[in-house]
Amino acid sequence: MPRPKSILQRVEIDIAKKAHNCQHNSHHRIHRGDKRVKLRKDRTWEYYCCECAKAIIDRDIAQLQSLRGQFLEETTE
């Protein structure tokens, strides 16, 4: 049986090996040793601080729940 597909992009949590700015907000600094979210964008990776990552994840969860709700509404009609 084939494995189910995922609509989520490739996302990982890793540890920063050097200090750099968050790609969402340049005022947020990711220091060496901090946890960060690593998101695949085309052929490169984008890195986000924990604060921005949580906001992105919360927004995406809300969008997925809305999508699921729309799907369930259509199937019950």
Protein backbone atom coordinates (compact mmCIF):
# COMPACT_ATOMS: atom_id res chain seq x y z
CA MET A 1 0.00 0.00 0.00
CA PRO A 2 1.49 3.43 -0.88
CA ARG A 3 2.39 5.84 1.87
CA PRO A 4 -0.08 8.74 2.24
CA LYS A 5 1.09 12.07 0.80
CA SER A 6 1.68 15.12 2.97
CA ILE A 7 0.68 18.67 2.12
CA LEU A 8 3.26 19.99 4.58
CA GLN A 9 6.60 21.27 3.37
CA ARG A 10 9.85 19.80 4.61
CA VAL A 11 10.44 21.28 8.06
CA GLU A 12 13.02 20.38 10.70
CA ILE A 13 14.11 21.67 14.09
CA ASP A 14 17.86 21.92 14.58
CA ILE A 15 20.54 23.77 16.51
CA ALA A 16 22.26 26.85 15.06
CA LYS A 17 25.97 26.28 14.47
CA LYS A 18 26.64 30.01 14.20
CA ALA A 19 24.81 33.23 15.04
CA HIS A 20 22.60 34.81 12.38
CA ASN A 21 19.36 36.74 11.94
CA CYS A 22 15.92 35.17 11.61
CA GLN A 23 14.75 35.24 8.00
CA HIS A 24 11.28 36.45 8.95
CA ASN A 25 12.36 39.31 11.23
CA SER A 26 15.92 40.61 10.97
CA HIS A 27 15.63 42.12 14.48
CA HIS A 28 15.43 38.58 15.91
CA ARG A 29 18.89 37.13 16.42
CA ILE A 30 19.50 33.38 16.50
CA HIS A 31 22.60 32.68 18.58
CA ARG A 32 24.95 29.74 18.30
CA GLY A 33 23.39 26.78 20.13
CA ASP A 34 19.79 28.10 19.91
CA LYS A 35 17.02 25.93 18.53
CA ARG A 36 15.66 27.11 15.20
CA VAL A 37 13.19 25.95 12.59
CA LYS A 38 14.69 24.93 9.27
CA LEU A 39 12.28 25.16 6.33
CA ARG A 40 13.05 23.91 2.84
CA LYS A 41 12.42 26.60 0.21
CA ASP A 42 13.11 25.36 -3.33
CA ARG A 43 16.76 24.27 -3.25
CA THR A 44 17.79 26.18 -0.14
CA TRP A 45 16.93 26.29 3.56
CA GLU A 46 15.39 29.19 5.46
CA TYR A 47 15.94 29.55 9.20
CA TYR A 48 13.48 31.03 11.71
CA CYS A 49 13.78 31.86 15.41
CA CYS A 50 11.49 30.07 17.87
CA GLU A 51 9.22 33.11 18.30
CA CYS A 52 8.58 33.50 14.56
CA ALA A 53 8.35 29.73 14.06
CA LYS A 54 5.61 29.43 16.70
CA ALA A 55 3.60 32.19 15.00
CA ILE A 56 4.03 30.53 11.60
CA ILE A 57 3.04 27.12 12.98
CA ASP A 58 -0.04 28.55 14.77
CA ARG A 59 -1.14 30.31 11.56
CA ASP A 60 -0.66 27.14 9.51
CA ILE A 61 -2.58 25.03 12.04
CA ALA A 62 -5.50 27.48 11.80
CA GLN A 63 -5.39 27.31 7.98
CA LEU A 64 -5.33 23.49 8.03
CA GLN A 65 -8.26 23.36 10.47
CA SER A 66 -10.20 25.73 8.23
CA LEU A 67 -9.41 23.61 5.20
CA ARG A 68 -10.48 20.47 7.04
CA GLY A 69 -13.70 22.17 8.15
CA GLN A 70 -14.50 23.15 4.56
CA PHE A 71 -13.84 19.60 3.43
CA LEU A 72 -16.10 18.12 6.11
CA GLU A 73 -18.90 20.61 5.29
CA GLU A 74 -18.82 19.59 1.62
CA THR A 75 -18.88 15.85 2.37
CA THR A 76 -21.90 16.09 4.71
CA GLU A 77 -24.08 17.92 2.19
